[in-house]
Amino acid sequence: MYAMPRLSIFKPEKGNDYKFFDRNIKEMFVVGGTDLNLHKYIGPYKQGDTTKDGPAGPTTPNYASSEINERTIEDLLFLENRNRQYDDDIYTIRGIYNVQDADFNLSQFGMFLQNDTLFLTVHLNDTVERIGRKIMSGDVIEFPHMKDDFSLDASIPIALKRYYVVEDVNRAAEGFSQTWWPHLLRIKLKTLVDSQEFRDIIGDAETTGSLASYMSTFNKEKEINDQIVAQAEADSPKAGFNYKQYYVAPIDERGNIRTDNVNTEEERASSDTPVNAVLDTPASSHYGFYLDGDGVAPNGYPAGFGTSFPASGVDKGDYFLRTDFLPNRLFRYDGLRWVKIEDNVRITKTNTDDRANYKTKFINQSGTTTINGLTVEQRQALTDALKPKADN
């Protein structure tokens, strides 16, 4: 007498039933799927003792080549892989997704894509066989059938390609067969943007002829920004107020205009009383303006300049600009001594190295310094200068 075996569609092993279902599901992708070019992420670049973001340290280890793979984390503090390396080979896989319209959300300031996320379905075993592992976050997929052959810019010599970066990978709910084994992967994709992570694929936007130079808006945005800055410099060449085109009368302790002051020729020639540099000097500092000094004598009065005060030929009330001060400092002779009037603190608003004061020279110092035989850049980002140290 023979006992009938228990009926069960599920089997703990991937036998012939599993292979039958898998072949038929794969055939659906071969017949109805589209070709996709996959750029395989293989891990961060080996940075050596000096990384692209600064020297190696406890949070940015100097990994050995044998330790680098797709699971390696480049920056342990921010948990980022900014300098990603992709395989030189491009893998062709088949996938299926729902085509959708790319609409912009115009209900708020700016232009934002509402549906720039795609969900792609691929065959699990087929992709693993082709690329050697499962698809993972960081992989980049190119859609050949989505390239734009008719760019509005006739100077672009290539068709504009469409890239998506993998954000998440899960088993597709519709990919489970009657035997309860999964056969499909559901991949969440986001539109690739021109950023540091994908330089290995699209190149640098500033490099002529690279994919990024044609696809990215970086160069156009930089051009617009430079023109806005140039217009701002033309409209407001220097910081602070420009009042030197007006006549400014000196005032007394109460803020009233003085009529008997050393600025008159008679007073300058006859009086032996020293000049009160604060009260008898028409300058905006009397009115409390902030950072308005430009080192120019008020009311068009002439002033000498140099790195030391003149020893002779000086009249009471004369102005002199000391150019060895940074910023340059304007003095006025009161008959006994040279009294400080103001500093030339009105500087250009553009952050360049030629702004003449100690602060900008200190911040924008572009030279190098040798310390204990090690040559270092004087101008460094705080993230490079203040590296966390291991507390052992």
Protein backbone atom coordinates (compact mmCIF):
# COMPACT_ATOMS: atom_id res chain seq x y z
CA MET A 1 0.00 0.00 0.00
CA TYR A 2 1.35 3.34 -1.03
CA ALA A 3 0.60 6.66 0.76
CA MET A 4 -0.12 9.64 -1.46
CA PRO A 5 2.46 12.44 -0.92
CA ARG A 6 1.27 15.70 0.55
CA LEU A 7 0.29 18.26 -2.08
CA SER A 8 2.31 21.50 -1.83
CA ILE A 9 3.11 24.07 -4.48
CA PHE A 10 5.93 25.49 -2.36
CA LYS A 11 9.19 23.61 -2.33
CA PRO A 12 12.14 24.46 -0.09
CA GLU A 13 14.58 23.98 -2.97
CA LYS A 14 14.77 25.85 -6.26
CA GLY A 15 13.99 22.88 -8.45
CA ASN A 16 12.61 22.37 -11.92
CA ASP A 17 9.36 24.17 -11.14
CA TYR A 18 11.30 27.28 -10.07
CA LYS A 19 13.48 27.15 -13.19
CA PHE A 20 10.40 26.75 -15.42
CA PHE A 21 8.73 29.82 -13.98
CA ASP A 22 11.99 31.78 -14.08
CA ARG A 23 12.58 31.01 -17.78
CA ASN A 24 9.06 32.10 -18.72
CA ILE A 25 9.28 35.31 -16.68
CA LYS A 26 12.67 36.08 -18.22
CA GLU A 27 11.20 35.58 -21.69
CA MET A 28 8.63 38.27 -20.93
CA PHE A 29 11.50 40.76 -20.45
CA VAL A 30 13.35 39.51 -23.53
CA VAL A 31 10.27 40.01 -25.69
CA GLY A 32 8.64 43.09 -24.16
CA GLY A 33 11.40 44.84 -22.21
CA THR A 34 13.71 47.65 -23.26
CA ASP A 35 17.50 47.69 -23.33
CA LEU A 36 19.15 49.59 -20.48
CA ASN A 37 22.83 50.46 -20.06
CA LEU A 38 23.99 49.97 -16.49
CA HIS A 39 27.09 51.68 -15.05
CA LYS A 40 28.23 49.44 -12.22
CA TYR A 41 29.40 51.13 -9.03
CA ILE A 42 32.57 49.44 -7.73
CA GLY A 43 33.40 51.60 -4.69
CA PRO A 44 35.09 54.92 -3.86
CA TYR A 45 38.40 55.87 -5.37
CA LYS A 46 41.56 55.06 -3.43
CA GLN A 47 42.45 58.51 -2.15
CA GLY A 48 45.96 57.90 -0.86
CA ASP A 49 47.39 60.15 1.84
CA THR A 50 45.60 63.18 0.35
CA THR A 51 41.97 62.90 -0.67
CA LYS A 52 40.10 65.13 -3.07
CA ASP A 53 38.33 66.65 -0.06
CA GLY A 54 41.43 67.01 2.12
CA PRO A 55 43.98 64.77 3.84
CA ALA A 56 43.02 61.31 5.01
CA GLY A 57 42.00 61.06 8.65
CA PRO A 58 40.02 58.98 11.14
CA THR A 59 36.71 59.74 9.40
CA THR A 60 38.15 59.47 5.86
CA PRO A 61 40.41 56.40 6.11
CA ASN A 62 43.18 55.65 3.67
CA TYR A 63 41.85 52.26 2.58
CA ALA A 64 44.09 49.69 0.97
CA SER A 65 43.17 48.70 -2.57
CA SER A 66 42.09 45.25 -1.36
CA GLU A 67 39.66 46.84 1.11
CA ILE A 68 37.78 48.94 -1.44
CA ASN A 69 34.54 47.54 -2.82
CA GLU A 70 30.95 48.65 -3.34
CA ARG A 71 30.31 48.35 0.41
CA THR A 72 33.16 50.67 1.43
CA ILE A 73 32.16 53.99 3.04
CA GLU A 74 34.46 56.85 2.06
CA ASP A 75 33.39 59.41 4.70
CA LEU A 76 32.49 57.80 8.02
CA LEU A 77 31.30 61.09 9.53
CA PHE A 78 28.76 62.08 6.88
CA LEU A 79 28.29 58.51 5.61
CA GLU A 80 28.94 59.62 2.04
CA ASN A 81 30.74 58.26 -1.01
CA ARG A 82 31.50 61.47 -2.88
CA ASN A 83 34.32 60.23 -5.12
CA ARG A 84 32.66 57.23 -6.72
CA GLN A 85 34.35 54.88 -9.14
CA TYR A 86 32.39 53.09 -11.84
CA ASP A 87 33.33 50.09 -13.92
CA ASP A 88 34.80 50.87 -17.33
CA ASP A 89 32.51 48.24 -18.85
CA ILE A 90 28.85 49.03 -19.51
CA TYR A 91 26.35 46.24 -18.91
CA THR A 92 23.18 45.81 -20.99
CA ILE A 93 20.10 44.59 -19.12
CA ARG A 94 16.38 44.42 -19.89
CA GLY A 95 13.71 46.23 -17.89
CA ILE A 96 10.07 47.28 -17.89
CA TYR A 97 8.59 50.48 -16.46
CA ASN A 98 5.50 52.66 -16.83
CA VAL A 99 6.14 55.67 -19.06
CA GLN A 100 4.83 58.89 -17.50
CA ASP A 101 4.66 62.54 -18.46
CA ALA A 102 7.29 64.82 -16.92
CA ASP A 103 5.22 67.72 -15.61
CA PHE A 104 6.55 70.76 -13.79
CA ASN A 105 4.93 72.02 -10.60
CA LEU A 106 4.22 75.70 -11.27
CA SER A 107 2.18 76.31 -8.12
CA GLN A 108 5.26 77.44 -6.18
CA PHE A 109 8.31 79.60 -6.83
CA GLY A 110 10.74 77.93 -9.20
CA MET A 111 10.35 74.90 -11.45
CA PHE A 112 10.14 71.51 -9.77
CA LEU A 113 9.49 68.15 -11.41
CA GLN A 114 6.62 66.37 -9.73
CA ASN A 115 7.35 62.95 -11.16
CA ASP A 116 11.11 62.70 -11.69
CA THR A 117 11.07 59.29 -9.95
CA LEU A 118 10.80 56.08 -11.97
CA PHE A 119 10.10 52.55 -10.76
CA LEU A 120 11.83 49.99 -12.94
CA THR A 121 11.29 46.23 -12.88
CA VAL A 122 14.10 43.87 -13.91
CA HIS A 123 14.63 40.12 -13.85
CA LEU A 124 16.61 39.13 -10.77
CA ASN A 125 18.65 36.18 -12.01
CA ASP A 126 19.33 37.73 -15.40
CA THR A 127 20.81 40.93 -13.92
CA VAL A 128 22.91 38.99 -11.42
CA GLU A 129 24.23 36.79 -14.24
CA ARG A 130 25.10 39.82 -16.37
CA ILE A 131 26.72 42.20 -13.85
CA GLY A 132 27.92 39.71 -11.21
CA ARG A 133 25.76 40.98 -8.33
CA LYS A 134 22.37 42.49 -7.58
CA ILE A 135 21.68 46.05 -8.63
CA MET A 136 22.34 48.38 -5.67
CA SER A 137 22.04 52.00 -4.65
CA GLY A 138 24.62 54.09 -6.47
CA ASP A 139 24.43 52.24 -9.77
CA VAL A 140 23.56 54.45 -12.74
CA ILE A 141 21.20 53.34 -15.51
CA GLU A 142 21.08 54.96 -18.95
CA PHE A 143 17.88 54.79 -20.99
CA PRO A 144 19.05 54.64 -24.65
CA HIS A 145 15.53 55.02 -26.04
CA MET A 146 15.09 58.28 -24.08
CA LYS A 147 18.01 60.19 -25.59
CA ASP A 148 17.19 63.50 -27.26
CA ASP A 149 18.40 63.68 -30.87
CA PHE A 150 16.94 67.14 -31.48
CA SER A 151 18.54 69.54 -29.02
CA LEU A 152 17.55 73.20 -29.30
CA ASP A 153 21.26 74.05 -29.14
CA ALA A 154 22.60 73.27 -32.61
CA SER A 155 26.20 73.52 -31.37
CA ILE A 156 25.87 70.33 -29.28
CA PRO A 157 27.42 67.55 -31.43
CA ILE A 158 25.87 64.60 -29.56
CA ALA A 159 22.45 63.30 -28.61
CA LEU A 160 21.57 64.22 -25.03
CA LYS A 161 21.40 61.07 -22.94
CA ARG A 162 19.05 60.32 -20.07
CA TYR A 163 20.61 58.93 -16.90
CA TYR A 164 18.99 57.76 -13.67
CA VAL A 165 20.67 56.82 -10.41
CA VAL A 166 19.46 53.89 -8.32
CA GLU A 167 18.13 54.96 -4.93
CA ASP A 168 16.50 51.80 -3.62
CA VAL A 169 16.12 48.14 -4.63
CA ASN A 170 13.47 45.70 -3.37
CA ARG A 171 11.75 42.52 -4.48
CA ALA A 172 8.73 43.31 -6.63
CA ALA A 173 5.39 42.19 -5.20
CA GLU A 174 4.28 40.95 -8.63
CA GLY A 175 7.52 38.99 -9.01
CA PHE A 176 6.62 36.07 -6.74
CA SER A 177 5.61 32.94 -8.60
CA GLN A 178 3.22 30.21 -7.46
CA THR A 179 6.14 28.51 -5.77
CA TRP A 180 6.61 31.58 -3.53
CA TRP A 181 10.10 32.29 -4.84
CA PRO A 182 10.93 35.89 -6.01
CA HIS A 183 11.96 36.44 -9.63
CA LEU A 184 11.85 40.25 -10.07
CA LEU A 185 13.46 43.35 -8.58
CA ARG A 186 11.69 46.71 -8.26
CA ILE A 187 14.17 49.60 -8.57
CA LYS A 188 13.52 53.19 -7.53
CA LEU A 189 15.32 55.64 -9.82
CA LYS A 190 15.98 59.38 -9.59
CA THR A 191 17.15 61.68 -12.37
CA LEU A 192 20.94 62.02 -12.34
CA VAL A 193 22.23 65.53 -11.67
CA ASP A 194 25.64 67.03 -12.33
CA SER A 195 27.39 66.42 -9.02
CA GLN A 196 30.72 65.20 -7.70
CA GLU A 197 29.52 61.62 -7.29
CA PHE A 198 29.02 61.03 -11.02
CA ARG A 199 32.13 62.68 -12.47
CA ASP A 200 33.36 59.22 -13.48
CA ILE A 201 30.42 58.90 -15.90
CA ILE A 202 29.59 62.38 -17.22
CA GLY A 203 32.86 64.16 -16.49
CA ASP A 204 33.34 67.74 -15.30
CA ALA A 205 31.08 70.49 -16.62
CA GLU A 206 34.07 72.84 -16.87
CA THR A 207 35.89 70.43 -19.20
CA THR A 208 35.14 71.18 -22.84
CA GLY A 209 33.70 68.19 -24.70
CA SER A 210 32.60 66.24 -21.62
CA LEU A 211 29.06 64.92 -21.30
CA ALA A 212 28.48 67.24 -18.35
CA SER A 213 29.45 70.29 -20.43
CA TYR A 214 26.55 69.50 -22.78
CA MET A 215 24.00 68.15 -20.30
CA SER A 216 24.59 70.31 -17.23
CA THR A 217 23.33 73.85 -16.64
CA PHE A 218 26.41 74.66 -14.54
CA ASN A 219 28.18 76.80 -17.14
CA LYS A 220 25.06 78.80 -17.96
CA GLU A 221 24.23 79.33 -14.28
CA LYS A 222 27.82 80.43 -13.61
CA GLU A 223 27.65 82.87 -16.51
CA ILE A 224 24.38 84.34 -15.18
CA ASN A 225 25.83 84.63 -11.68
CA ASP A 226 28.98 86.37 -12.94
CA GLN A 227 26.91 88.90 -14.88
CA ILE A 228 24.75 89.63 -11.83
CA VAL A 229 27.87 90.21 -9.74
CA ALA A 230 29.33 92.47 -12.44
CA GLN A 231 26.12 94.52 -12.52
CA ALA A 232 26.14 94.77 -8.73
CA GLU A 233 29.74 95.99 -8.79
CA ALA A 234 28.80 98.64 -11.34
CA ASP A 235 25.78 99.79 -9.31
CA SER A 236 27.61 99.72 -5.96
CA PRO A 237 31.39 99.70 -6.47
CA LYS A 238 32.20 99.84 -2.75
CA ALA A 239 30.58 99.00 0.56
CA GLY A 240 29.12 101.70 2.78
CA PHE A 241 27.81 105.19 1.92
CA ASN A 242 29.22 107.52 -0.72
CA TYR A 243 28.81 111.06 0.64
CA LYS A 244 31.95 112.82 -0.66
CA GLN A 245 30.04 114.47 -3.50
CA TYR A 246 28.20 116.57 -0.86
CA TYR A 247 29.49 119.50 1.17
CA VAL A 248 29.61 118.51 4.84
CA ALA A 249 29.89 121.25 7.46
CA PRO A 250 31.69 120.65 10.79
CA ILE A 251 29.60 120.50 13.94
CA ASP A 252 30.09 121.26 17.61
CA GLU A 253 29.56 119.09 20.67
CA ARG A 254 25.77 119.57 20.44
CA GLY A 255 25.60 118.68 16.78
CA ASN A 256 25.11 122.27 15.59
CA ILE A 257 26.91 123.52 12.49
CA ARG A 258 30.04 125.52 13.31
CA THR A 259 30.66 128.76 11.47
CA ASP A 260 33.97 129.57 13.16
CA ASN A 261 36.19 126.68 12.16
CA VAL A 262 39.67 126.09 10.97
CA ASN A 263 38.51 125.28 7.45
CA THR A 264 38.44 129.00 6.57
CA GLU A 265 41.61 130.51 5.18
CA GLU A 266 41.60 133.27 7.83
CA GLU A 267 41.34 130.85 10.69
CA ARG A 268 44.03 128.60 9.27
CA ALA A 269 46.46 131.49 8.80
CA SER A 270 45.92 133.46 12.02
CA SER A 271 44.93 131.15 14.85
CA ASP A 272 47.56 129.46 16.99
CA THR A 273 45.02 127.25 18.73
CA PRO A 274 45.34 123.57 17.80
CA VAL A 275 42.66 122.10 15.60
CA ASN A 276 40.03 119.94 17.29
CA ALA A 277 40.25 117.10 14.78
CA VAL A 278 36.87 115.68 15.75
CA LEU A 279 34.80 118.88 15.79
CA ASP A 280 36.58 120.92 13.14
CA THR A 281 36.83 118.10 10.61
CA PRO A 282 33.77 117.63 8.38
CA ALA A 283 33.42 113.86 8.15
CA SER A 284 30.54 111.40 8.23
CA SER A 285 31.90 109.83 11.42
CA HIS A 286 30.15 112.63 13.27
CA TYR A 287 26.84 111.19 12.18
CA GLY A 288 27.51 107.59 13.16
CA PHE A 289 27.75 105.92 9.74
CA TYR A 290 29.24 102.43 9.87
CA LEU A 291 32.23 101.47 7.70
CA ASP A 292 31.93 104.59 5.55
CA GLY A 293 35.51 105.88 5.67
CA ASP A 294 37.29 106.01 2.33
CA GLY A 295 40.48 107.91 3.22
CA VAL A 296 39.47 110.92 1.11
CA ALA A 297 39.57 114.40 2.64
CA PRO A 298 36.08 115.97 2.93
CA ASN A 299 34.69 118.74 0.73
CA GLY A 300 37.36 118.21 -1.91
CA TYR A 301 40.16 119.38 0.34
CA PRO A 302 43.62 118.26 -0.92
CA ALA A 303 45.61 115.68 0.99
CA GLY A 304 49.10 114.32 0.67
CA PHE A 305 49.97 110.64 0.91
CA GLY A 306 52.95 108.47 1.68
CA THR A 307 54.44 105.97 4.10
CA SER A 308 55.64 108.65 6.57
CA PHE A 309 54.48 112.12 7.62
CA PRO A 310 56.12 115.14 5.93
CA ALA A 311 58.76 116.90 8.04
CA SER A 312 58.19 120.37 6.60
CA GLY A 313 55.72 122.45 4.62
CA VAL A 314 52.79 121.42 6.81
CA ASP A 315 50.02 123.85 7.78
CA LYS A 316 47.57 123.44 10.60
CA GLY A 317 44.53 121.54 9.32
CA ASP A 318 46.34 119.72 6.48
CA TYR A 319 45.33 116.16 5.65
CA PHE A 320 47.71 113.29 5.00
CA LEU A 321 46.96 109.68 3.97
CA ARG A 322 49.30 107.03 5.35
CA THR A 323 49.50 104.24 2.78
CA ASP A 324 51.58 101.94 5.00
CA PHE A 325 48.49 101.30 7.13
CA LEU A 326 46.10 98.55 6.10
CA PRO A 327 43.51 99.84 5.62
CA ASN A 328 45.01 103.20 4.63
CA ARG A 329 44.50 105.81 7.37
CA LEU A 330 43.72 109.54 6.94
CA PHE A 331 45.25 111.99 9.44
CA ARG A 332 44.86 115.73 10.02
CA TYR A 333 47.50 118.02 11.53
CA ASP A 334 46.19 120.01 14.51
CA GLY A 335 49.26 122.20 14.91
CA LEU A 336 50.92 119.87 17.40
CA ARG A 337 50.31 116.31 16.24
CA TRP A 338 48.73 114.21 13.53
CA VAL A 339 45.23 113.13 14.59
CA LYS A 340 43.49 110.12 13.10
CA ILE A 341 40.38 111.04 11.09
CA GLU A 342 39.24 107.80 9.44
CA ASP A 343 40.34 104.52 7.86
CA ASN A 344 39.75 103.56 4.25
CA VAL A 345 37.32 100.74 5.01
CA ARG A 346 35.11 101.13 1.94
CA ILE A 347 36.25 98.14 -0.10
CA THR A 348 34.87 96.32 -3.11
CA LYS A 349 32.24 93.72 -2.37
CA THR A 350 33.82 91.08 -4.57
CA ASN A 351 35.78 88.51 -2.59
CA THR A 352 39.17 88.92 -4.26
CA ASP A 353 42.75 89.00 -3.01
CA ASP A 354 43.29 92.70 -3.83
CA ARG A 355 41.07 94.12 -1.08
CA ALA A 356 43.49 96.13 1.02
CA ASN A 357 42.93 95.42 4.68
CA TYR A 358 44.36 92.97 7.15
CA LYS A 359 41.22 90.86 7.45
CA THR A 360 40.82 90.17 3.75
CA LYS A 361 44.54 89.61 3.37
CA PHE A 362 44.44 87.12 6.23
CA ILE A 363 41.38 85.26 4.94
CA ASN A 364 42.29 85.28 1.25
CA GLN A 365 46.00 84.63 1.60
CA SER A 366 46.83 82.41 -1.36
CA GLY A 367 50.48 81.68 -0.56
CA THR A 368 52.14 78.73 1.13
CA THR A 369 54.00 78.34 4.41
CA THR A 370 56.62 75.78 5.39
CA ILE A 371 56.17 74.41 8.92
CA ASN A 372 58.67 71.83 10.18
CA GLY A 373 59.61 71.00 6.61
CA LEU A 374 55.98 70.56 5.51
CA THR A 375 54.62 73.02 2.94
CA VAL A 376 50.96 73.85 3.54
CA GLU A 377 48.46 76.19 1.90
CA GLN A 378 47.80 79.34 3.93
CA ARG A 379 44.20 79.48 2.75
CA GLN A 380 42.34 76.32 3.77
CA ALA A 381 38.79 75.34 4.54
CA LEU A 382 38.01 74.77 8.21
CA THR A 383 37.09 71.17 7.38
CA ASP A 384 40.69 70.64 6.26
CA ALA A 385 42.42 72.64 9.00
CA LEU A 386 40.37 71.23 11.89
CA LYS A 387 40.39 67.49 11.43
CA PRO A 388 39.08 65.29 14.27
CA LYS A 389 41.80 63.28 15.93
CA ALA A 390 41.49 59.77 17.29
CA ASP A 391 41.19 59.63 21.08
CA ASN A 392 43.06 56.47 22.01
